[in-house]
Amino acid sequence: MNYYGILGVVVILGLASVVLARYEYQHPQHHHAQPAVAPKIGTTWYAALGVDNCGARVASLPPGTSTGGLSLLASNVIKVAPISSADAGNNATLAQFSRENAGVTATATNLDLTTAHGHLRLTTGQRCAAGTPDAGKTGRVVYAYWPTLSSTTPTLTTKPGAIKLARYLRVTLAFVPQGVTPLAPTKATLNAMVQVAVTPTTTTTTVPVTPTSVPLTPTSVPVTPTTAGPTTTVPGSTSPTTTTPKG
């Protein structure tokens, strides 16, 4: 009896597993997998970037070619558009942005940036360069970020991997003395960020225009030549001379 009972349980469990598998196959939306953390692949967000070198703003970094979905556009606008798990979800960080863009190297103690005037290399412990507001003071690499457009006080960190890129995030790469709050991204960068975010992306389709050849049939207007009659030479008439007899 135990033997047959076990066989019966095995059969019941087998049928139940087949029914469950069939249901899951036909209703994939009911799977209880955890949803992906934003930004997901296919998402497009924009953030604002600033660079503070000892109290002096660095001009906009030149846009470059990204190896992933985190790229730098004109006016220091960061485009967050993940294309793989490497830069999606919790991996969409400032550190990953640095890895995907050759012109931006950001670590806990170093900044190496490609600017319009060449490379800018800054390392914690250096002194601020002459000509900057904090010239002569010892600087450190630090990152400041404002999570939203309404944020007034930034969060500071030396770990770029701790800053997750988000929609309308403001973030500054800074080299400033200890205790100095980095400058926020410029208003021009914010305006550019908002502008590109609200401008719909349209695909322009060029419709080939086939020229219509309209044969031009010359309109022949018959010209009736004027036939001049034969020219008749009329010999000059000599008026008769009237002789008046003398008297």
C-alpha atoms as a PDB file:
ATOM      1  CA  MET A   1       0.000   0.000   0.000  1.00  0.00           C
ATOM      2  CA  ASN A   2       2.838   2.364   0.800  1.00  0.00           C
ATOM      3  CA  TYR A   3       4.419   1.608  -2.563  1.00  0.00           C
ATOM      4  CA  TYR A   4       1.250   2.466  -4.477  1.00  0.00           C
ATOM      5  CA  GLY A   5       0.685   5.487  -2.275  1.00  0.00           C
ATOM      6  CA  ILE A   6       4.138   6.840  -3.135  1.00  0.00           C
ATOM      7  CA  LEU A   7       3.504   6.237  -6.835  1.00  0.00           C
ATOM      8  CA  GLY A   8       0.258   8.153  -6.565  1.00  0.00           C
ATOM      9  CA  VAL A   9       1.982  11.115  -4.889  1.00  0.00           C
ATOM     10  CA  VAL A  10       4.677  11.148  -7.580  1.00  0.00           C
ATOM     11  CA  VAL A  11       2.052  11.158 -10.332  1.00  0.00           C
ATOM     12  CA  ILE A  12       0.090  13.961  -8.673  1.00  0.00           C
ATOM     13  CA  LEU A  13       3.217  16.077  -8.166  1.00  0.00           C
ATOM     14  CA  GLY A  14       4.268  15.477 -11.768  1.00  0.00           C
ATOM     15  CA  LEU A  15       0.900  16.554 -13.129  1.00  0.00           C
ATOM     16  CA  ALA A  16       0.870  19.613 -10.883  1.00  0.00           C
ATOM     17  CA  SER A  17       4.332  20.682 -12.068  1.00  0.00           C
ATOM     18  CA  VAL A  18       3.308  20.272 -15.710  1.00  0.00           C
ATOM     19  CA  VAL A  19       0.145  22.333 -15.183  1.00  0.00           C
ATOM     20  CA  LEU A  20       2.096  25.042 -13.324  1.00  0.00           C
ATOM     21  CA  ALA A  21       4.799  25.175 -16.009  1.00  0.00           C
ATOM     22  CA  ARG A  22       2.171  25.458 -18.737  1.00  0.00           C
ATOM     23  CA  TYR A  23       0.433  28.277 -16.882  1.00  0.00           C
ATOM     24  CA  GLU A  24       3.684  30.173 -16.362  1.00  0.00           C
ATOM     25  CA  TYR A  25       4.524  29.769 -20.035  1.00  0.00           C
ATOM     26  CA  GLN A  26       1.144  31.118 -21.125  1.00  0.00           C
ATOM     27  CA  HIS A  27       1.090  33.959 -18.557  1.00  0.00           C
ATOM     28  CA  PRO A  28       4.627  35.354 -18.341  1.00  0.00           C
ATOM     29  CA  GLN A  29       3.324  38.627 -16.921  1.00  0.00           C
ATOM     30  CA  HIS A  30       2.485  36.854 -13.670  1.00  0.00           C
ATOM     31  CA  HIS A  31       6.092  35.989 -12.906  1.00  0.00           C
ATOM     32  CA  HIS A  32       7.121  37.405  -9.580  1.00  0.00           C
ATOM     33  CA  ALA A  33      10.564  38.652 -10.641  1.00  0.00           C
ATOM     34  CA  GLN A  34      11.733  41.847  -9.028  1.00  0.00           C
ATOM     35  CA  PRO A  35      11.363  44.855 -11.373  1.00  0.00           C
ATOM     36  CA  ALA A  36      14.566  46.408 -12.701  1.00  0.00           C
ATOM     37  CA  VAL A  37      15.857  49.452 -10.859  1.00  0.00           C
ATOM     38  CA  ALA A  38      15.680  52.692 -12.826  1.00  0.00           C
ATOM     39  CA  PRO A  39      17.132  53.845 -15.082  1.00  0.00           C
ATOM     40  CA  LYS A  40      16.196  50.844 -17.161  1.00  0.00           C
ATOM     41  CA  ILE A  41      17.557  50.015 -20.586  1.00  0.00           C
ATOM     42  CA  GLY A  42      15.670  52.225 -23.021  1.00  0.00           C
ATOM     43  CA  THR A  43      15.272  55.072 -20.518  1.00  0.00           C
ATOM     44  CA  THR A  44      16.574  58.520 -21.464  1.00  0.00           C
ATOM     45  CA  TRP A  45      17.329  61.032 -18.739  1.00  0.00           C
ATOM     46  CA  TYR A  46      19.435  64.180 -18.631  1.00  0.00           C
ATOM     47  CA  ALA A  47      21.636  65.606 -15.881  1.00  0.00           C
ATOM     48  CA  ALA A  48      23.814  68.713 -15.489  1.00  0.00           C
ATOM     49  CA  LEU A  49      27.586  68.646 -14.980  1.00  0.00           C
ATOM     50  CA  GLY A  50      29.824  71.330 -13.503  1.00  0.00           C
ATOM     51  CA  VAL A  51      33.581  71.595 -12.937  1.00  0.00           C
ATOM     52  CA  ASP A  52      35.057  73.718 -10.135  1.00  0.00           C
ATOM     53  CA  ASN A  53      38.816  74.287 -10.062  1.00  0.00           C
ATOM     54  CA  CYS A  54      39.662  76.126  -6.835  1.00  0.00           C
ATOM     55  CA  GLY A  55      36.705  78.472  -7.136  1.00  0.00           C
ATOM     56  CA  ALA A  56      36.984  78.981 -10.893  1.00  0.00           C
ATOM     57  CA  ARG A  57      34.489  77.386 -13.228  1.00  0.00           C
ATOM     58  CA  VAL A  58      35.967  75.321 -16.011  1.00  0.00           C
ATOM     59  CA  ALA A  59      34.410  75.937 -19.411  1.00  0.00           C
ATOM     60  CA  SER A  60      32.164  73.266 -20.875  1.00  0.00           C
ATOM     61  CA  LEU A  61      33.980  70.046 -21.614  1.00  0.00           C
ATOM     62  CA  PRO A  62      34.007  69.008 -25.271  1.00  0.00           C
ATOM     63  CA  PRO A  63      31.393  66.362 -26.080  1.00  0.00           C
ATOM     64  CA  GLY A  64      32.956  62.978 -26.715  1.00  0.00           C
ATOM     65  CA  THR A  65      32.104  59.517 -27.962  1.00  0.00           C
ATOM     66  CA  SER A  66      30.891  57.242 -25.189  1.00  0.00           C
ATOM     67  CA  THR A  67      31.473  53.500 -25.154  1.00  0.00           C
ATOM     68  CA  GLY A  68      28.128  52.967 -23.415  1.00  0.00           C
ATOM     69  CA  GLY A  69      24.844  54.662 -22.645  1.00  0.00           C
ATOM     70  CA  LEU A  70      26.199  57.442 -20.415  1.00  0.00           C
ATOM     71  CA  SER A  71      27.481  60.256 -22.587  1.00  0.00           C
ATOM     72  CA  LEU A  72      28.459  63.914 -22.458  1.00  0.00           C
ATOM     73  CA  LEU A  73      26.606  66.326 -24.731  1.00  0.00           C
ATOM     74  CA  ALA A  74      27.276  69.978 -25.488  1.00  0.00           C
ATOM     75  CA  SER A  75      27.018  72.539 -22.656  1.00  0.00           C
ATOM     76  CA  ASN A  76      28.024  69.917 -20.035  1.00  0.00           C
ATOM     77  CA  VAL A  77      24.749  68.009 -20.289  1.00  0.00           C
ATOM     78  CA  ILE A  78      24.963  64.327 -19.332  1.00  0.00           C
ATOM     79  CA  LYS A  79      22.731  61.959 -21.262  1.00  0.00           C
ATOM     80  CA  VAL A  80      21.664  58.917 -19.257  1.00  0.00           C
ATOM     81  CA  ALA A  81      20.432  56.302 -21.724  1.00  0.00           C
ATOM     82  CA  PRO A  82      21.509  52.807 -20.556  1.00  0.00           C
ATOM     83  CA  ILE A  83      22.144  50.243 -23.280  1.00  0.00           C
ATOM     84  CA  SER A  84      23.209  47.315 -21.080  1.00  0.00           C
ATOM     85  CA  SER A  85      23.201  46.175 -17.480  1.00  0.00           C
ATOM     86  CA  ALA A  86      26.678  47.721 -17.121  1.00  0.00           C
ATOM     87  CA  ASP A  87      25.213  51.230 -17.017  1.00  0.00           C
ATOM     88  CA  ALA A  88      21.596  50.587 -16.033  1.00  0.00           C
ATOM     89  CA  GLY A  89      19.939  50.616 -12.626  1.00  0.00           C
ATOM     90  CA  ASN A  90      22.346  50.999  -9.725  1.00  0.00           C
ATOM     91  CA  ASN A  91      25.277  50.829 -12.157  1.00  0.00           C
ATOM     92  CA  ALA A  92      24.357  54.199 -13.673  1.00  0.00           C
ATOM     93  CA  THR A  93      26.837  56.095 -11.515  1.00  0.00           C
ATOM     94  CA  LEU A  94      29.284  58.941 -11.953  1.00  0.00           C
ATOM     95  CA  ALA A  95      32.093  56.380 -11.782  1.00  0.00           C
ATOM     96  CA  GLN A  96      30.576  54.424 -14.700  1.00  0.00           C
ATOM     97  CA  PHE A  97      30.130  57.669 -16.622  1.00  0.00           C
ATOM     98  CA  SER A  98      33.841  58.289 -16.116  1.00  0.00           C
ATOM     99  CA  ARG A  99      34.718  54.813 -17.394  1.00  0.00           C
ATOM    100  CA  GLU A 100      32.618  55.235 -20.537  1.00  0.00           C
ATOM    101  CA  ASN A 101      33.986  58.670 -21.492  1.00  0.00           C
ATOM    102  CA  ALA A 102      37.675  58.981 -22.275  1.00  0.00           C
ATOM    103  CA  GLY A 103      37.709  62.723 -21.645  1.00  0.00           C
ATOM    104  CA  VAL A 104      36.606  62.372 -18.012  1.00  0.00           C
ATOM    105  CA  THR A 105      38.617  60.466 -15.406  1.00  0.00           C
ATOM    106  CA  ALA A 106      37.180  60.763 -11.918  1.00  0.00           C
ATOM    107  CA  THR A 107      38.491  58.782  -8.939  1.00  0.00           C
ATOM    108  CA  ALA A 108      38.576  59.317  -5.191  1.00  0.00           C
ATOM    109  CA  THR A 109      41.759  61.398  -5.397  1.00  0.00           C
ATOM    110  CA  ASN A 110      42.233  62.365  -9.065  1.00  0.00           C
ATOM    111  CA  LEU A 111      40.544  64.363 -11.786  1.00  0.00           C
ATOM    112  CA  ASP A 112      41.855  64.195 -15.343  1.00  0.00           C
ATOM    113  CA  LEU A 113      39.694  66.170 -17.728  1.00  0.00           C
ATOM    114  CA  THR A 114      39.962  67.012 -21.406  1.00  0.00           C
ATOM    115  CA  THR A 115      39.090  70.683 -21.776  1.00  0.00           C
ATOM    116  CA  ALA A 116      39.079  73.116 -24.659  1.00  0.00           C
ATOM    117  CA  HIS A 117      42.558  74.192 -23.526  1.00  0.00           C
ATOM    118  CA  GLY A 118      44.079  70.741 -23.038  1.00  0.00           C
ATOM    119  CA  HIS A 119      44.235  68.323 -20.113  1.00  0.00           C
ATOM    120  CA  LEU A 120      43.466  69.435 -16.587  1.00  0.00           C
ATOM    121  CA  ARG A 121      45.065  67.102 -14.027  1.00  0.00           C
ATOM    122  CA  LEU A 122      44.198  67.613 -10.373  1.00  0.00           C
ATOM    123  CA  THR A 123      45.223  65.452  -7.427  1.00  0.00           C
ATOM    124  CA  THR A 124      44.293  65.683  -3.771  1.00  0.00           C
ATOM    125  CA  GLY A 125      47.152  67.384  -1.924  1.00  0.00           C
ATOM    126  CA  GLN A 126      48.153  69.743  -4.742  1.00  0.00           C
ATOM    127  CA  ARG A 127      48.013  73.480  -4.265  1.00  0.00           C
ATOM    128  CA  CYS A 128      45.518  75.562  -6.170  1.00  0.00           C
ATOM    129  CA  ALA A 129      47.056  77.148  -9.245  1.00  0.00           C
ATOM    130  CA  ALA A 130      47.892  80.821  -9.549  1.00  0.00           C
ATOM    131  CA  GLY A 131      45.070  82.837 -11.014  1.00  0.00           C
ATOM    132  CA  THR A 132      42.320  80.873  -9.251  1.00  0.00           C
ATOM    133  CA  PRO A 133      40.358  82.369  -6.337  1.00  0.00           C
ATOM    134  CA  ASP A 134      41.935  79.874  -3.924  1.00  0.00           C
ATOM    135  CA  ALA A 135      45.475  80.095  -5.321  1.00  0.00           C
ATOM    136  CA  GLY A 136      48.125  78.679  -3.024  1.00  0.00           C
ATOM    137  CA  LYS A 137      45.709  76.712  -0.838  1.00  0.00           C
ATOM    138  CA  THR A 138      45.849  72.928  -0.644  1.00  0.00           C
ATOM    139  CA  GLY A 139      43.007  71.363  -2.588  1.00  0.00           C
ATOM    140  CA  ARG A 140      41.265  68.022  -2.631  1.00  0.00           C
ATOM    141  CA  VAL A 141      39.148  66.152  -5.147  1.00  0.00           C
ATOM    142  CA  VAL A 142      35.523  66.061  -4.052  1.00  0.00           C
ATOM    143  CA  TYR A 143      32.160  65.579  -5.742  1.00  0.00           C
ATOM    144  CA  ALA A 144      29.049  67.600  -4.962  1.00  0.00           C
ATOM    145  CA  TYR A 145      25.571  66.667  -6.114  1.00  0.00           C
ATOM    146  CA  TRP A 146      22.091  68.119  -5.867  1.00  0.00           C
ATOM    147  CA  PRO A 147      19.437  65.383  -6.379  1.00  0.00           C
ATOM    148  CA  THR A 148      16.757  67.718  -7.760  1.00  0.00           C
ATOM    149  CA  LEU A 149      16.432  71.151  -9.314  1.00  0.00           C
ATOM    150  CA  SER A 150      14.945  72.427  -6.070  1.00  0.00           C
ATOM    151  CA  SER A 151      17.814  71.169  -3.881  1.00  0.00           C
ATOM    152  CA  THR A 152      19.784  74.011  -2.313  1.00  0.00           C
ATOM    153  CA  THR A 153      22.419  72.202  -0.262  1.00  0.00           C
ATOM    154  CA  PRO A 154      24.671  69.664  -2.014  1.00  0.00           C
ATOM    155  CA  THR A 155      25.844  66.332  -0.689  1.00  0.00           C
ATOM    156  CA  LEU A 156      29.634  65.932  -0.761  1.00  0.00           C
ATOM    157  CA  THR A 157      31.525  62.704  -1.324  1.00  0.00           C
ATOM    158  CA  THR A 158      34.927  61.548  -2.542  1.00  0.00           C
ATOM    159  CA  LYS A 159      33.424  58.406  -4.075  1.00  0.00           C
ATOM    160  CA  PRO A 160      32.088  58.889  -7.624  1.00  0.00           C
ATOM    161  CA  GLY A 161      30.605  55.392  -7.484  1.00  0.00           C
ATOM    162  CA  ALA A 162      28.269  56.560  -4.725  1.00  0.00           C
ATOM    163  CA  ILE A 163      26.578  59.116  -6.972  1.00  0.00           C
ATOM    164  CA  LYS A 164      23.779  57.543  -8.973  1.00  0.00           C
ATOM    165  CA  LEU A 165      22.805  59.516 -12.060  1.00  0.00           C
ATOM    166  CA  ALA A 166      19.163  60.575 -12.067  1.00  0.00           C
ATOM    167  CA  ARG A 167      16.806  62.803 -14.007  1.00  0.00           C
ATOM    168  CA  TYR A 168      17.732  66.476 -13.522  1.00  0.00           C
ATOM    169  CA  LEU A 169      20.581  65.605 -11.176  1.00  0.00           C
ATOM    170  CA  ARG A 170      23.176  68.352 -10.770  1.00  0.00           C
ATOM    171  CA  VAL A 171      26.716  67.190 -10.081  1.00  0.00           C
ATOM    172  CA  THR A 172      30.039  69.017  -9.873  1.00  0.00           C
ATOM    173  CA  LEU A 173      33.535  67.601 -10.232  1.00  0.00           C
ATOM    174  CA  ALA A 174      35.569  69.767  -7.871  1.00  0.00           C
ATOM    175  CA  PHE A 175      39.081  70.470  -6.689  1.00  0.00           C
ATOM    176  CA  VAL A 176      38.709  72.831  -3.752  1.00  0.00           C
ATOM    177  CA  PRO A 177      40.234  73.434  -0.301  1.00  0.00           C
ATOM    178  CA  GLN A 178      38.844  71.527   2.657  1.00  0.00           C
ATOM    179  CA  GLY A 179      35.577  73.042   3.901  1.00  0.00           C
ATOM    180  CA  VAL A 180      34.751  74.846   0.644  1.00  0.00           C
ATOM    181  CA  THR A 181      31.418  74.054  -1.023  1.00  0.00           C
ATOM    182  CA  PRO A 182      31.874  73.470  -4.765  1.00  0.00           C
ATOM    183  CA  LEU A 183      30.101  75.645  -7.278  1.00  0.00           C
ATOM    184  CA  ALA A 184      26.922  74.231  -8.810  1.00  0.00           C
ATOM    185  CA  PRO A 185      26.553  73.715 -12.591  1.00  0.00           C
ATOM    186  CA  THR A 186      25.916  76.945 -14.447  1.00  0.00           C
ATOM    187  CA  LYS A 187      22.508  78.305 -15.356  1.00  0.00           C
ATOM    188  CA  ALA A 188      23.426  77.880 -19.016  1.00  0.00           C
ATOM    189  CA  THR A 189      23.979  74.164 -18.445  1.00  0.00           C
ATOM    190  CA  LEU A 190      20.669  73.862 -16.595  1.00  0.00           C
ATOM    191  CA  ASN A 191      18.828  75.602 -19.408  1.00  0.00           C
ATOM    192  CA  ALA A 192      20.466  73.334 -21.979  1.00  0.00           C
ATOM    193  CA  MET A 193      19.558  70.264 -19.908  1.00  0.00           C
ATOM    194  CA  VAL A 194      15.908  71.239 -19.599  1.00  0.00           C
ATOM    195  CA  GLN A 195      15.729  72.244 -23.252  1.00  0.00           C
ATOM    196  CA  VAL A 196      17.026  68.916 -24.549  1.00  0.00           C
ATOM    197  CA  ALA A 197      14.812  67.039 -22.083  1.00  0.00           C
ATOM    198  CA  VAL A 198      11.571  68.699 -23.189  1.00  0.00           C
ATOM    199  CA  THR A 199      12.345  68.784 -26.892  1.00  0.00           C
ATOM    200  CA  PRO A 200      10.735  65.773 -28.562  1.00  0.00           C
ATOM    201  CA  THR A 201      13.026  63.699 -30.689  1.00  0.00           C
ATOM    202  CA  THR A 202      11.681  63.508 -34.199  1.00  0.00           C
ATOM    203  CA  THR A 203      12.915  61.448 -37.068  1.00  0.00           C
ATOM    204  CA  THR A 204      13.020  63.337 -40.299  1.00  0.00           C
ATOM    205  CA  THR A 205      12.136  61.181 -43.265  1.00  0.00           C
ATOM    206  CA  THR A 206      13.375  62.425 -46.562  1.00  0.00           C
ATOM    207  CA  VAL A 207      10.891  61.642 -49.275  1.00  0.00           C
ATOM    208  CA  PRO A 208      12.591  61.383 -52.648  1.00  0.00           C
ATOM    209  CA  VAL A 209      11.050  63.739 -55.103  1.00  0.00           C
ATOM    210  CA  THR A 210      10.825  62.383 -58.615  1.00  0.00           C
ATOM    211  CA  PRO A 211      10.909  65.247 -61.021  1.00  0.00           C
ATOM    212  CA  THR A 212       7.998  65.198 -63.391  1.00  0.00           C
ATOM    213  CA  SER A 213       9.180  65.776 -66.899  1.00  0.00           C
ATOM    214  CA  VAL A 214       6.622  67.809 -68.731  1.00  0.00           C
ATOM    215  CA  PRO A 215       7.404  67.670 -72.420  1.00  0.00           C
ATOM    216  CA  LEU A 216       7.424  71.105 -73.747  1.00  0.00           C
ATOM    217  CA  THR A 217       5.778  70.945 -77.175  1.00  0.00           C
ATOM    218  CA  PRO A 218       6.719  74.041 -78.997  1.00  0.00           C
ATOM    219  CA  THR A 219       3.692  75.815 -80.291  1.00  0.00           C
ATOM    220  CA  SER A 220       4.313  76.477 -83.926  1.00  0.00           C
ATOM    221  CA  VAL A 221       2.663  79.643 -84.900  1.00  0.00           C
ATOM    222  CA  PRO A 222       2.473  79.611 -88.702  1.00  0.00           C
ATOM    223  CA  VAL A 223       3.957  82.723 -89.995  1.00  0.00           C
ATOM    224  CA  THR A 224       2.508  83.679 -93.323  1.00  0.00           C
ATOM    225  CA  PRO A 225       5.288  85.263 -95.214  1.00  0.00           C
ATOM    226  CA  THR A 226       4.378  88.497 -96.858  1.00  0.00           C
ATOM    227  CA  THR A 227       5.027  88.021-100.522  1.00  0.00           C
ATOM    228  CA  ALA A 228       5.985  91.193-102.094  1.00  0.00           C
ATOM    229  CA  GLY A 229       4.804  91.465-105.637  1.00  0.00           C
ATOM    230  CA  PRO A 230       7.301  91.843-108.372  1.00  0.00           C
ATOM    231  CA  THR A 231       8.928  95.131-108.330  1.00  0.00           C
ATOM    232  CA  THR A 232       7.954  97.137-111.360  1.00  0.00           C
ATOM    233  CA  THR A 233      10.359  99.726-112.348  1.00  0.00           C
ATOM    234  CA  VAL A 234       8.406 102.647-113.590  1.00  0.00           C
ATOM    235  CA  PRO A 235      10.486 104.751-115.832  1.00  0.00           C
ATOM    236  CA  GLY A 236      10.435 108.270-114.660  1.00  0.00           C
ATOM    237  CA  SER A 237       7.858 110.321-116.418  1.00  0.00           C
ATOM    238  CA  THR A 238       9.041 113.483-117.911  1.00  0.00           C
ATOM    239  CA  SER A 239       6.483 116.119-117.547  1.00  0.00           C
ATOM    240  CA  PRO A 240       5.778 117.665-120.952  1.00  0.00           C
ATOM    241  CA  THR A 241       7.190 121.037-121.283  1.00  0.00           C
ATOM    242  CA  THR A 242       4.608 123.569-122.317  1.00  0.00           C
ATOM    243  CA  THR A 243       5.996 126.206-124.568  1.00  0.00           C
ATOM    244  CA  THR A 244       4.156 129.433-124.528  1.00  0.00           C
ATOM    245  CA  PRO A 245       4.420 131.158-127.857  1.00  0.00           C
ATOM    246  CA  LYS A 246       5.611 134.659-127.700  1.00  0.00           C
ATOM    247  CA  GLY A 247       3.434 137.162-128.390  1.00  0.00           C
END
